[in-house]
Amino acid sequence: MTDKPRNLLDRPHLVDSLTEVLSTVRLHGALYCSSELSAPWGITFLARECAAFHVVDRGSCWLRVAGQPEPIALRGGDLVLLPQGDEHTVSDTPRGKARVVDFQDHPGVCGPMMRWGGGGEKTRLVCGEIYLEEDGFQTLRAHLPRVMHLRGDGDAPAEWLQLTLKFLASETSEARPGSYSVITRLIDILFVQAIRVWLSGNAPVTPGWLAGLREPAIASALALMHSQPGKDWTVESLARQVGMSRSAFSELFVQLVGEGPLTYLTRWRMHRAAAWLRSEPSLSVIEVAQRVGYDSEAAFNRAFKRALGTPPGAYRREGRAQAAERRPSLPSLA
């Protein structure tokens, strides 16, 4: 096996592959709250169908996640992301009492800083929920851990995080036209950058495409499949492109990704087709099929229904109906 890169940016093909997947993950809403909490304090967030994040701007606190026995110590500069939306508690002590908070009813959401607690030592948190297009998120979500803890330097957030929070604070300091749209995009940056930084580290990764990104040869093959899903790839042609024998490539791919190259390719094609069906209404079904390597609309329909449980046309119509109903209760600062 080849040496692992020390940084994602040292390997352009890793960035390209990650970008291809992240490009299909779209935010359709976000909630954000900046809080100054004084000890004793504790807040429980119930399980939600969205990702959640917390940034410790100042001070320190503890995170407890449902189903995990040990609390996690958080300190100034730390960012924690919960991609699965698990129930969790943030408090000033490892086992402190907490009250349940519904984010949408939380005073201070997408507005001025909230102050609450017993009057003791203070911790400043930035908390949020991220609502993502489910189709794009599932491919990513399936391989992310339940908790992604990115450590700061103990005194202040990393520069990229500090700048993002500065912009967030500016946009939430007063209601201005378009502020909510700006906030959503800033949280989008926060989400993507958190995944990039986490992947660049040494945290363990379960078998899947994220694990494959850490091995240069497999990352190159993934980048080829992601960027050219309509090409007539074979195991031999992919192996040749990355400078490996067919058998060695196939074995390493299965070891890291958890399935064979062509099985993965089919799933990726259906994932891209699903994204195009909903994001590009001007494309006909056969045009989408051709983009992912199918000359026969009937063959594409069968493959798509086998993968997603519904034909392409019905899938597109369901997407339109869902878009019309999507989250009318999200706050607007416009």
C-alpha atoms as a PDB file:
ATOM      1  CA  MET A   1       0.000   0.000   0.000  1.00  0.00           C
ATOM      2  CA  THR A   2       1.285   3.459  -0.853  1.00  0.00           C
ATOM      3  CA  ASP A   3       2.059   6.101   1.758  1.00  0.00           C
ATOM      4  CA  LYS A   4      -0.883   8.106   3.009  1.00  0.00           C
ATOM      5  CA  PRO A   5      -0.824  11.845   2.292  1.00  0.00           C
ATOM      6  CA  ARG A   6      -0.304  14.116   5.264  1.00  0.00           C
ATOM      7  CA  ASN A   7      -2.771  16.667   3.946  1.00  0.00           C
ATOM      8  CA  LEU A   8      -5.685  16.438   1.539  1.00  0.00           C
ATOM      9  CA  LEU A   9      -4.385  19.399  -0.432  1.00  0.00           C
ATOM     10  CA  ASP A  10      -1.168  17.464  -1.188  1.00  0.00           C
ATOM     11  CA  ARG A  11      -3.254  15.169  -3.410  1.00  0.00           C
ATOM     12  CA  PRO A  12      -5.478  17.062  -5.879  1.00  0.00           C
ATOM     13  CA  HIS A  13      -7.383  13.900  -6.841  1.00  0.00           C
ATOM     14  CA  LEU A  14      -8.551  13.495  -3.237  1.00  0.00           C
ATOM     15  CA  VAL A  15      -9.943  17.015  -3.250  1.00  0.00           C
ATOM     16  CA  ASP A  16     -11.607  16.397  -6.636  1.00  0.00           C
ATOM     17  CA  SER A  17     -13.342  13.240  -5.400  1.00  0.00           C
ATOM     18  CA  LEU A  18     -14.494  14.859  -2.176  1.00  0.00           C
ATOM     19  CA  THR A  19     -15.726  17.881  -4.129  1.00  0.00           C
ATOM     20  CA  GLU A  20     -17.766  15.665  -6.450  1.00  0.00           C
ATOM     21  CA  VAL A  21     -19.628  14.138  -3.509  1.00  0.00           C
ATOM     22  CA  LEU A  22     -20.016  17.369  -1.568  1.00  0.00           C
ATOM     23  CA  SER A  23     -21.386  19.096  -4.671  1.00  0.00           C
ATOM     24  CA  THR A  24     -24.469  16.859  -4.417  1.00  0.00           C
ATOM     25  CA  VAL A  25     -25.049  17.706  -0.744  1.00  0.00           C
ATOM     26  CA  ARG A  26     -27.151  20.858  -0.656  1.00  0.00           C
ATOM     27  CA  LEU A  27     -28.403  22.809   2.337  1.00  0.00           C
ATOM     28  CA  HIS A  28     -32.038  23.808   2.289  1.00  0.00           C
ATOM     29  CA  GLY A  29     -31.987  25.455   5.711  1.00  0.00           C
ATOM     30  CA  ALA A  30     -30.052  26.060   8.898  1.00  0.00           C
ATOM     31  CA  LEU A  31     -30.647  27.270  12.432  1.00  0.00           C
ATOM     32  CA  TYR A  32     -28.000  29.068  14.450  1.00  0.00           C
ATOM     33  CA  CYS A  33     -27.759  30.312  18.032  1.00  0.00           C
ATOM     34  CA  SER A  34     -24.977  32.070  19.906  1.00  0.00           C
ATOM     35  CA  SER A  35     -25.219  31.615  23.688  1.00  0.00           C
ATOM     36  CA  GLU A  36     -23.370  32.745  26.790  1.00  0.00           C
ATOM     37  CA  LEU A  37     -23.988  30.111  29.465  1.00  0.00           C
ATOM     38  CA  SER A  38     -22.997  30.486  33.106  1.00  0.00           C
ATOM     39  CA  ALA A  39     -22.513  27.524  35.464  1.00  0.00           C
ATOM     40  CA  PRO A  40     -24.397  25.500  36.382  1.00  0.00           C
ATOM     41  CA  TRP A  41     -26.061  24.849  33.034  1.00  0.00           C
ATOM     42  CA  GLY A  42     -27.013  21.980  30.749  1.00  0.00           C
ATOM     43  CA  ILE A  43     -28.932  21.688  27.477  1.00  0.00           C
ATOM     44  CA  THR A  44     -30.276  18.525  25.848  1.00  0.00           C
ATOM     45  CA  PHE A  45     -31.070  18.391  22.138  1.00  0.00           C
ATOM     46  CA  LEU A  46     -33.379  15.531  21.140  1.00  0.00           C
ATOM     47  CA  ALA A  47     -32.654  13.357  18.097  1.00  0.00           C
ATOM     48  CA  ARG A  48     -33.466  15.117  14.829  1.00  0.00           C
ATOM     49  CA  GLU A  49     -33.370  14.301  11.122  1.00  0.00           C
ATOM     50  CA  CYS A  50     -30.586  16.793  10.527  1.00  0.00           C
ATOM     51  CA  ALA A  51     -26.935  17.357  11.365  1.00  0.00           C
ATOM     52  CA  ALA A  52     -26.040  19.344  14.479  1.00  0.00           C
ATOM     53  CA  PHE A  53     -22.914  21.265  15.430  1.00  0.00           C
ATOM     54  CA  HIS A  54     -21.442  23.100  18.417  1.00  0.00           C
ATOM     55  CA  VAL A  55     -18.478  25.442  18.544  1.00  0.00           C
ATOM     56  CA  VAL A  56     -16.901  26.380  21.875  1.00  0.00           C
ATOM     57  CA  ASP A  57     -16.079  30.012  21.290  1.00  0.00           C
ATOM     58  CA  ARG A  58     -14.838  30.583  24.848  1.00  0.00           C
ATOM     59  CA  GLY A  59     -14.562  28.501  28.006  1.00  0.00           C
ATOM     60  CA  SER A  60     -15.125  24.752  28.210  1.00  0.00           C
ATOM     61  CA  CYS A  61     -17.922  22.206  28.546  1.00  0.00           C
ATOM     62  CA  TRP A  62     -18.823  18.532  28.169  1.00  0.00           C
ATOM     63  CA  LEU A  63     -20.696  16.648  25.458  1.00  0.00           C
ATOM     64  CA  ARG A  64     -22.743  13.515  26.137  1.00  0.00           C
ATOM     65  CA  VAL A  65     -24.150  11.602  23.158  1.00  0.00           C
ATOM     66  CA  ALA A  66     -26.961   9.078  23.523  1.00  0.00           C
ATOM     67  CA  GLY A  67     -25.609   5.538  23.272  1.00  0.00           C
ATOM     68  CA  GLN A  68     -22.021   6.513  24.051  1.00  0.00           C
ATOM     69  CA  PRO A  69     -20.881   5.798  27.619  1.00  0.00           C
ATOM     70  CA  GLU A  70     -18.195   8.442  28.096  1.00  0.00           C
ATOM     71  CA  PRO A  71     -18.642  12.224  27.937  1.00  0.00           C
ATOM     72  CA  ILE A  72     -16.334  14.238  25.680  1.00  0.00           C
ATOM     73  CA  ALA A  73     -14.439  17.238  27.021  1.00  0.00           C
ATOM     74  CA  LEU A  74     -14.715  20.328  24.812  1.00  0.00           C
ATOM     75  CA  ARG A  75     -12.625  23.465  25.154  1.00  0.00           C
ATOM     76  CA  GLY A  76     -12.151  26.819  23.472  1.00  0.00           C
ATOM     77  CA  GLY A  77     -11.692  26.496  19.717  1.00  0.00           C
ATOM     78  CA  ASP A  78     -13.245  23.022  19.460  1.00  0.00           C
ATOM     79  CA  LEU A  79     -15.883  22.186  16.868  1.00  0.00           C
ATOM     80  CA  VAL A  80     -18.064  19.109  17.223  1.00  0.00           C
ATOM     81  CA  LEU A  81     -20.313  17.904  14.412  1.00  0.00           C
ATOM     82  CA  LEU A  82     -23.038  15.261  14.849  1.00  0.00           C
ATOM     83  CA  PRO A  83     -23.916  14.196  11.281  1.00  0.00           C
ATOM     84  CA  GLN A  84     -26.588  11.689  12.352  1.00  0.00           C
ATOM     85  CA  GLY A  85     -28.485  14.171  14.525  1.00  0.00           C
ATOM     86  CA  ASP A  86     -28.257  11.978  17.653  1.00  0.00           C
ATOM     87  CA  GLU A  87     -29.764  13.065  20.949  1.00  0.00           C
ATOM     88  CA  HIS A  88     -27.039  14.805  22.939  1.00  0.00           C
ATOM     89  CA  THR A  89     -26.397  17.016  25.944  1.00  0.00           C
ATOM     90  CA  VAL A  90     -23.974  19.880  26.397  1.00  0.00           C
ATOM     91  CA  SER A  91     -23.291  20.945  29.995  1.00  0.00           C
ATOM     92  CA  ASP A  92     -20.740  22.589  32.261  1.00  0.00           C
ATOM     93  CA  THR A  93     -19.891  19.316  34.042  1.00  0.00           C
ATOM     94  CA  PRO A  94     -19.559  15.723  32.768  1.00  0.00           C
ATOM     95  CA  ARG A  95     -22.835  14.566  34.350  1.00  0.00           C
ATOM     96  CA  GLY A  96     -24.628  17.856  34.893  1.00  0.00           C
ATOM     97  CA  LYS A  97     -28.400  18.191  34.862  1.00  0.00           C
ATOM     98  CA  ALA A  98     -29.893  19.514  31.644  1.00  0.00           C
ATOM     99  CA  ARG A  99     -33.142  20.789  30.255  1.00  0.00           C
ATOM    100  CA  VAL A 100     -34.484  19.784  26.857  1.00  0.00           C
ATOM    101  CA  VAL A 101     -34.362  22.497  24.213  1.00  0.00           C
ATOM    102  CA  ASP A 102     -36.276  22.535  20.946  1.00  0.00           C
ATOM    103  CA  PHE A 103     -34.024  24.454  18.623  1.00  0.00           C
ATOM    104  CA  GLN A 104     -36.830  26.149  16.745  1.00  0.00           C
ATOM    105  CA  ASP A 105     -38.263  27.550  19.993  1.00  0.00           C
ATOM    106  CA  HIS A 106     -34.832  28.406  21.423  1.00  0.00           C
ATOM    107  CA  PRO A 107     -34.663  32.106  22.336  1.00  0.00           C
ATOM    108  CA  GLY A 108     -31.933  33.736  20.319  1.00  0.00           C
ATOM    109  CA  VAL A 109     -32.066  31.392  17.324  1.00  0.00           C
ATOM    110  CA  CYS A 110     -30.801  33.271  14.282  1.00  0.00           C
ATOM    111  CA  GLY A 111     -30.780  36.422  16.388  1.00  0.00           C
ATOM    112  CA  PRO A 112     -28.960  38.190  19.245  1.00  0.00           C
ATOM    113  CA  MET A 113     -26.907  36.238  21.763  1.00  0.00           C
ATOM    114  CA  MET A 114     -28.840  34.322  24.419  1.00  0.00           C
ATOM    115  CA  ARG A 115     -27.625  34.452  28.040  1.00  0.00           C
ATOM    116  CA  TRP A 116     -28.718  31.796  30.531  1.00  0.00           C
ATOM    117  CA  GLY A 117     -27.487  29.814  33.540  1.00  0.00           C
ATOM    118  CA  GLY A 118     -26.697  30.013  37.247  1.00  0.00           C
ATOM    119  CA  GLY A 119     -24.334  32.972  37.202  1.00  0.00           C
ATOM    120  CA  GLY A 120     -21.050  31.066  37.605  1.00  0.00           C
ATOM    121  CA  GLU A 121     -18.168  30.493  35.203  1.00  0.00           C
ATOM    122  CA  LYS A 122     -19.101  31.405  31.645  1.00  0.00           C
ATOM    123  CA  THR A 123     -18.914  29.432  28.411  1.00  0.00           C
ATOM    124  CA  ARG A 124     -19.780  30.868  25.041  1.00  0.00           C
ATOM    125  CA  LEU A 125     -21.203  28.430  22.477  1.00  0.00           C
ATOM    126  CA  VAL A 126     -22.261  28.632  18.872  1.00  0.00           C
ATOM    127  CA  CYS A 127     -24.816  25.881  18.180  1.00  0.00           C
ATOM    128  CA  GLY A 128     -26.737  24.979  15.086  1.00  0.00           C
ATOM    129  CA  GLU A 129     -28.736  22.512  13.040  1.00  0.00           C
ATOM    130  CA  ILE A 130     -28.096  21.874   9.364  1.00  0.00           C
ATOM    131  CA  TYR A 131     -30.885  20.720   7.064  1.00  0.00           C
ATOM    132  CA  LEU A 132     -29.545  18.993   3.968  1.00  0.00           C
ATOM    133  CA  GLU A 133     -31.040  17.546   0.817  1.00  0.00           C
ATOM    134  CA  GLU A 134     -31.597  13.945   1.893  1.00  0.00           C
ATOM    135  CA  ASP A 135     -30.600  12.349  -1.414  1.00  0.00           C
ATOM    136  CA  GLY A 136     -27.155  13.900  -1.481  1.00  0.00           C
ATOM    137  CA  PHE A 137     -26.641  13.598   2.250  1.00  0.00           C
ATOM    138  CA  GLN A 138     -27.258   9.854   2.468  1.00  0.00           C
ATOM    139  CA  THR A 139     -24.164   8.982   0.436  1.00  0.00           C
ATOM    140  CA  LEU A 140     -22.062  11.134   2.754  1.00  0.00           C
ATOM    141  CA  ARG A 141     -23.917  10.423   5.992  1.00  0.00           C
ATOM    142  CA  ALA A 142     -23.589   6.643   5.727  1.00  0.00           C
ATOM    143  CA  HIS A 143     -19.819   6.847   6.174  1.00  0.00           C
ATOM    144  CA  LEU A 144     -19.464   9.675   8.675  1.00  0.00           C
ATOM    145  CA  PRO A 145     -19.068   8.866  12.384  1.00  0.00           C
ATOM    146  CA  ARG A 146     -21.727   9.765  14.906  1.00  0.00           C
ATOM    147  CA  VAL A 147     -19.429  12.392  16.398  1.00  0.00           C
ATOM    148  CA  MET A 148     -16.721  14.392  14.639  1.00  0.00           C
ATOM    149  CA  HIS A 149     -14.611  16.268  17.200  1.00  0.00           C
ATOM    150  CA  LEU A 150     -12.195  18.792  15.713  1.00  0.00           C
ATOM    151  CA  ARG A 151      -9.921  20.222  18.368  1.00  0.00           C
ATOM    152  CA  GLY A 152      -8.924  23.867  18.463  1.00  0.00           C
ATOM    153  CA  ASP A 153      -5.737  25.176  20.024  1.00  0.00           C
ATOM    154  CA  GLY A 154      -7.273  25.706  23.447  1.00  0.00           C
ATOM    155  CA  ASP A 155      -7.235  29.491  23.306  1.00  0.00           C
ATOM    156  CA  ALA A 156      -9.033  30.513  20.124  1.00  0.00           C
ATOM    157  CA  PRO A 157     -10.667  28.822  17.145  1.00  0.00           C
ATOM    158  CA  ALA A 158      -8.623  27.981  14.058  1.00  0.00           C
ATOM    159  CA  GLU A 159      -8.388  30.879  11.608  1.00  0.00           C
ATOM    160  CA  TRP A 160     -10.947  29.492   9.129  1.00  0.00           C
ATOM    161  CA  LEU A 161     -13.404  28.832  11.958  1.00  0.00           C
ATOM    162  CA  GLN A 162     -12.755  32.207  13.562  1.00  0.00           C
ATOM    163  CA  LEU A 163     -13.483  34.010  10.290  1.00  0.00           C
ATOM    164  CA  THR A 164     -16.650  32.008   9.661  1.00  0.00           C
ATOM    165  CA  LEU A 165     -17.943  32.779  13.159  1.00  0.00           C
ATOM    166  CA  LYS A 166     -17.071  36.445  12.736  1.00  0.00           C
ATOM    167  CA  PHE A 167     -19.195  36.627   9.604  1.00  0.00           C
ATOM    168  CA  LEU A 168     -22.018  34.719  11.332  1.00  0.00           C
ATOM    169  CA  ALA A 169     -21.965  37.164  14.252  1.00  0.00           C
ATOM    170  CA  SER A 170     -22.062  40.103  11.866  1.00  0.00           C
ATOM    171  CA  GLU A 171     -25.064  38.743   9.972  1.00  0.00           C
ATOM    172  CA  THR A 172     -27.033  37.917  13.121  1.00  0.00           C
ATOM    173  CA  SER A 173     -26.343  41.206  14.898  1.00  0.00           C
ATOM    174  CA  GLU A 174     -29.245  42.841  13.086  1.00  0.00           C
ATOM    175  CA  ALA A 175     -32.010  41.857  10.707  1.00  0.00           C
ATOM    176  CA  ARG A 176     -30.953  42.805   7.197  1.00  0.00           C
ATOM    177  CA  PRO A 177     -32.364  41.797   3.817  1.00  0.00           C
ATOM    178  CA  GLY A 178     -30.931  38.438   2.785  1.00  0.00           C
ATOM    179  CA  SER A 179     -29.261  37.707   6.126  1.00  0.00           C
ATOM    180  CA  TYR A 180     -30.749  34.244   6.490  1.00  0.00           C
ATOM    181  CA  SER A 181     -29.453  33.248   3.052  1.00  0.00           C
ATOM    182  CA  VAL A 182     -25.981  34.460   3.993  1.00  0.00           C
ATOM    183  CA  ILE A 183     -26.112  32.555   7.306  1.00  0.00           C
ATOM    184  CA  THR A 184     -27.141  29.356   5.507  1.00  0.00           C
ATOM    185  CA  ARG A 185     -24.186  29.630   3.150  1.00  0.00           C
ATOM    186  CA  LEU A 186     -21.751  30.320   5.981  1.00  0.00           C
ATOM    187  CA  ILE A 187     -22.957  27.215   7.811  1.00  0.00           C
ATOM    188  CA  ASP A 188     -22.559  25.307   4.535  1.00  0.00           C
ATOM    189  CA  ILE A 189     -18.886  26.372   4.555  1.00  0.00           C
ATOM    190  CA  LEU A 190     -18.598  25.334   8.213  1.00  0.00           C
ATOM    191  CA  PHE A 191     -19.985  21.869   7.406  1.00  0.00           C
ATOM    192  CA  VAL A 192     -17.795  21.229   4.359  1.00  0.00           C
ATOM    193  CA  GLN A 193     -14.625  22.540   5.966  1.00  0.00           C
ATOM    194  CA  ALA A 194     -15.229  20.426   9.069  1.00  0.00           C
ATOM    195  CA  ILE A 195     -15.394  17.281   6.916  1.00  0.00           C
ATOM    196  CA  ARG A 196     -12.219  18.275   5.033  1.00  0.00           C
ATOM    197  CA  VAL A 197     -10.254  18.917   8.221  1.00  0.00           C
ATOM    198  CA  TRP A 198     -11.515  15.726   9.860  1.00  0.00           C
ATOM    199  CA  LEU A 199     -10.632  13.642   6.810  1.00  0.00           C
ATOM    200  CA  SER A 200      -7.142  15.151   6.719  1.00  0.00           C
ATOM    201  CA  GLY A 201      -6.496  13.843  10.239  1.00  0.00           C
ATOM    202  CA  ASN A 202      -5.927  10.348  11.553  1.00  0.00           C
ATOM    203  CA  ALA A 203      -9.424   9.595  12.865  1.00  0.00           C
ATOM    204  CA  PRO A 204     -10.550   6.028  12.097  1.00  0.00           C
ATOM    205  CA  VAL A 205     -12.924   5.670   9.136  1.00  0.00           C
ATOM    206  CA  THR A 206     -15.302   2.783   8.525  1.00  0.00           C
ATOM    207  CA  PRO A 207     -15.142   1.063   5.099  1.00  0.00           C
ATOM    208  CA  GLY A 208     -16.632   3.306   2.439  1.00  0.00           C
ATOM    209  CA  TRP A 209     -15.678   5.962  -0.099  1.00  0.00           C
ATOM    210  CA  LEU A 210     -14.273   8.230   2.647  1.00  0.00           C
ATOM    211  CA  ALA A 211     -11.838   5.493   3.671  1.00  0.00           C
ATOM    212  CA  GLY A 212     -10.922   5.103   0.008  1.00  0.00           C
ATOM    213  CA  LEU A 213      -9.983   8.778  -0.208  1.00  0.00           C
ATOM    214  CA  ARG A 214      -7.091   8.186   2.177  1.00  0.00           C
ATOM    215  CA  GLU A 215      -5.386   5.722  -0.193  1.00  0.00           C
ATOM    216  CA  PRO A 216      -4.052   7.632  -3.231  1.00  0.00           C
ATOM    217  CA  ALA A 217      -4.621   4.892  -5.827  1.00  0.00           C
ATOM    218  CA  ILE A 218      -8.194   4.225  -4.710  1.00  0.00           C
ATOM    219  CA  ALA A 219      -8.835   7.963  -4.362  1.00  0.00           C
ATOM    220  CA  SER A 220      -7.738   8.403  -7.981  1.00  0.00           C
ATOM    221  CA  ALA A 221     -10.121   5.666  -9.098  1.00  0.00           C
ATOM    222  CA  LEU A 222     -12.977   7.206  -7.116  1.00  0.00           C
ATOM    223  CA  ALA A 223     -12.243  10.605  -8.642  1.00  0.00           C
ATOM    224  CA  LEU A 224     -12.427   9.076 -12.128  1.00  0.00           C
ATOM    225  CA  MET A 225     -15.773   7.398 -11.411  1.00  0.00           C
ATOM    226  CA  HIS A 226     -17.178  10.477  -9.678  1.00  0.00           C
ATOM    227  CA  SER A 227     -16.191  12.900 -12.414  1.00  0.00           C
ATOM    228  CA  GLN A 228     -16.980  10.630 -15.389  1.00  0.00           C
ATOM    229  CA  PRO A 229     -19.922   8.419 -14.343  1.00  0.00           C
ATOM    230  CA  GLY A 230     -21.034   7.952 -17.956  1.00  0.00           C
ATOM    231  CA  LYS A 231     -17.798   6.377 -19.140  1.00  0.00           C
ATOM    232  CA  ASP A 232     -17.725   2.647 -19.864  1.00  0.00           C
ATOM    233  CA  TRP A 233     -15.442   1.781 -16.954  1.00  0.00           C
ATOM    234  CA  THR A 234     -14.231  -1.753 -16.265  1.00  0.00           C
ATOM    235  CA  VAL A 235     -12.147  -3.036 -13.374  1.00  0.00           C
ATOM    236  CA  GLU A 236      -9.250  -3.440 -15.805  1.00  0.00           C
ATOM    237  CA  SER A 237      -9.478   0.106 -17.160  1.00  0.00           C
ATOM    238  CA  LEU A 238      -9.691   1.640 -13.681  1.00  0.00           C
ATOM    239  CA  ALA A 239      -6.745  -0.436 -12.451  1.00  0.00           C
ATOM    240  CA  ARG A 240      -4.726   0.607 -15.474  1.00  0.00           C
ATOM    241  CA  GLN A 241      -5.507   4.284 -14.876  1.00  0.00           C
ATOM    242  CA  VAL A 242      -4.127   4.134 -11.311  1.00  0.00           C
ATOM    243  CA  GLY A 243      -1.114   1.959 -12.141  1.00  0.00           C
ATOM    244  CA  MET A 244      -2.170  -1.270 -10.442  1.00  0.00           C
ATOM    245  CA  SER A 245      -2.871  -4.820 -11.523  1.00  0.00           C
ATOM    246  CA  ARG A 246      -6.516  -5.796 -11.827  1.00  0.00           C
ATOM    247  CA  SER A 247      -6.436  -8.233  -8.900  1.00  0.00           C
ATOM    248  CA  ALA A 248      -4.484  -5.965  -6.546  1.00  0.00           C
ATOM    249  CA  PHE A 249      -6.733  -3.001  -7.355  1.00  0.00           C
ATOM    250  CA  SER A 250      -9.935  -4.970  -6.888  1.00  0.00           C
ATOM    251  CA  GLU A 251      -8.760  -6.433  -3.574  1.00  0.00           C
ATOM    252  CA  LEU A 252      -7.660  -3.067  -2.178  1.00  0.00           C
ATOM    253  CA  PHE A 253     -10.858  -1.363  -3.352  1.00  0.00           C
ATOM    254  CA  VAL A 254     -13.054  -3.932  -1.591  1.00  0.00           C
ATOM    255  CA  GLN A 255     -10.900  -3.727   1.550  1.00  0.00           C
ATOM    256  CA  LEU A 256     -11.253   0.057   1.832  1.00  0.00           C
ATOM    257  CA  VAL A 257     -14.619   0.823   0.235  1.00  0.00           C
ATOM    258  CA  GLY A 258     -16.435  -2.330   1.315  1.00  0.00           C
ATOM    259  CA  GLU A 259     -17.703  -3.359  -2.136  1.00  0.00           C
ATOM    260  CA  GLY A 260     -16.381  -4.021  -5.637  1.00  0.00           C
ATOM    261  CA  PRO A 261     -15.521  -1.154  -8.023  1.00  0.00           C
ATOM    262  CA  LEU A 262     -18.389  -1.793 -10.444  1.00  0.00           C
ATOM    263  CA  THR A 263     -20.949  -2.211  -7.650  1.00  0.00           C
ATOM    264  CA  TYR A 264     -19.825   1.113  -6.248  1.00  0.00           C
ATOM    265  CA  LEU A 265     -19.911   2.685  -9.715  1.00  0.00           C
ATOM    266  CA  THR A 266     -23.521   1.630 -10.230  1.00  0.00           C
ATOM    267  CA  ARG A 267     -24.552   3.136  -6.896  1.00  0.00           C
ATOM    268  CA  TRP A 268     -22.714   6.364  -7.690  1.00  0.00           C
ATOM    269  CA  ARG A 269     -24.393   6.555 -11.106  1.00  0.00           C
ATOM    270  CA  MET A 270     -27.828   6.222  -9.503  1.00  0.00           C
ATOM    271  CA  HIS A 271     -26.884   8.819  -6.893  1.00  0.00           C
ATOM    272  CA  ARG A 272     -25.848  11.306  -9.579  1.00  0.00           C
ATOM    273  CA  ALA A 273     -28.917  10.501 -11.654  1.00  0.00           C
ATOM    274  CA  ALA A 274     -31.149  11.178  -8.654  1.00  0.00           C
ATOM    275  CA  ALA A 275     -29.468  14.544  -8.079  1.00  0.00           C
ATOM    276  CA  TRP A 276     -29.842  15.547 -11.750  1.00  0.00           C
ATOM    277  CA  LEU A 277     -33.485  14.459 -11.897  1.00  0.00           C
ATOM    278  CA  ARG A 278     -34.355  16.846  -9.104  1.00  0.00           C
ATOM    279  CA  SER A 279     -31.934  19.708  -9.701  1.00  0.00           C
ATOM    280  CA  GLU A 280     -32.206  19.958 -13.510  1.00  0.00           C
ATOM    281  CA  PRO A 281     -35.880  19.709 -14.526  1.00  0.00           C
ATOM    282  CA  SER A 282     -35.080  20.609 -18.149  1.00  0.00           C
ATOM    283  CA  LEU A 283     -33.255  17.289 -18.608  1.00  0.00           C
ATOM    284  CA  SER A 284     -35.352  14.411 -19.933  1.00  0.00           C
ATOM    285  CA  VAL A 285     -35.063  10.979 -18.333  1.00  0.00           C
ATOM    286  CA  ILE A 286     -33.114   9.639 -21.312  1.00  0.00           C
ATOM    287  CA  GLU A 287     -30.691  12.580 -21.114  1.00  0.00           C
ATOM    288  CA  VAL A 288     -30.058  11.798 -17.443  1.00  0.00           C
ATOM    289  CA  ALA A 289     -29.649   8.115 -18.335  1.00  0.00           C
ATOM    290  CA  GLN A 290     -27.032   8.957 -20.966  1.00  0.00           C
ATOM    291  CA  ARG A 291     -25.108  11.112 -18.497  1.00  0.00           C
ATOM    292  CA  VAL A 292     -24.607   8.054 -16.310  1.00  0.00           C
ATOM    293  CA  GLY A 293     -23.749   5.622 -19.079  1.00  0.00           C
ATOM    294  CA  TYR A 294     -27.104   4.147 -20.155  1.00  0.00           C
ATOM    295  CA  ASP A 295     -28.148   4.238 -23.822  1.00  0.00           C
ATOM    296  CA  SER A 296     -31.427   2.470 -23.069  1.00  0.00           C
ATOM    297  CA  GLU A 297     -34.053   4.322 -21.044  1.00  0.00           C
ATOM    298  CA  ALA A 298     -35.673   1.006 -20.106  1.00  0.00           C
ATOM    299  CA  ALA A 299     -32.406  -0.373 -18.710  1.00  0.00           C
ATOM    300  CA  PHE A 300     -31.850   2.855 -16.784  1.00  0.00           C
ATOM    301  CA  ASN A 301     -35.382   2.764 -15.370  1.00  0.00           C
ATOM    302  CA  ARG A 302     -34.843  -0.790 -14.112  1.00  0.00           C
ATOM    303  CA  ALA A 303     -31.484   0.048 -12.515  1.00  0.00           C
ATOM    304  CA  PHE A 304     -32.837   3.227 -10.924  1.00  0.00           C
ATOM    305  CA  LYS A 305     -35.908   1.505  -9.482  1.00  0.00           C
ATOM    306  CA  ARG A 306     -33.753  -1.336  -8.151  1.00  0.00           C
ATOM    307  CA  ALA A 307     -31.488   1.182  -6.378  1.00  0.00           C
ATOM    308  CA  LEU A 308     -34.038   3.722  -5.106  1.00  0.00           C
ATOM    309  CA  GLY A 309     -37.287   1.770  -5.073  1.00  0.00           C
ATOM    310  CA  THR A 310     -39.141   4.044  -7.492  1.00  0.00           C
ATOM    311  CA  PRO A 311     -38.928   4.822 -11.248  1.00  0.00           C
ATOM    312  CA  PRO A 312     -37.093   8.009 -12.317  1.00  0.00           C
ATOM    313  CA  GLY A 313     -40.242   9.869 -13.365  1.00  0.00           C
ATOM    314  CA  ALA A 314     -42.012   9.203 -10.079  1.00  0.00           C
ATOM    315  CA  TYR A 315     -38.853  10.114  -8.174  1.00  0.00           C
ATOM    316  CA  ARG A 316     -38.739  13.489  -9.917  1.00  0.00           C
ATOM    317  CA  ARG A 317     -42.420  14.179  -9.173  1.00  0.00           C
ATOM    318  CA  GLU A 318     -41.939  13.274  -5.493  1.00  0.00           C
ATOM    319  CA  GLY A 319     -39.051  15.730  -5.338  1.00  0.00           C
ATOM    320  CA  ARG A 320     -41.205  18.548  -6.666  1.00  0.00           C
ATOM    321  CA  ALA A 321     -43.907  17.804  -4.101  1.00  0.00           C
ATOM    322  CA  GLN A 322     -41.397  17.715  -1.252  1.00  0.00           C
ATOM    323  CA  ALA A 323     -39.825  20.995  -2.374  1.00  0.00           C
ATOM    324  CA  ALA A 324     -43.234  22.669  -2.270  1.00  0.00           C
ATOM    325  CA  GLU A 325     -43.764  21.547   1.337  1.00  0.00           C
ATOM    326  CA  ARG A 326     -40.225  22.064   2.616  1.00  0.00           C
ATOM    327  CA  ARG A 327     -39.738  23.630   6.048  1.00  0.00           C
ATOM    328  CA  PRO A 328     -42.090  26.609   6.034  1.00  0.00           C
ATOM    329  CA  SER A 329     -41.283  27.180   9.729  1.00  0.00           C
ATOM    330  CA  LEU A 330     -37.624  28.102   9.266  1.00  0.00           C
ATOM    331  CA  PRO A 331     -37.094  31.668  10.453  1.00  0.00           C
ATOM    332  CA  SER A 332     -36.435  34.426   7.937  1.00  0.00           C
ATOM    333  CA  LEU A 333     -34.345  37.464   8.761  1.00  0.00           C
ATOM    334  CA  ALA A 334     -35.088  39.205   5.469  1.00  0.00           C
END
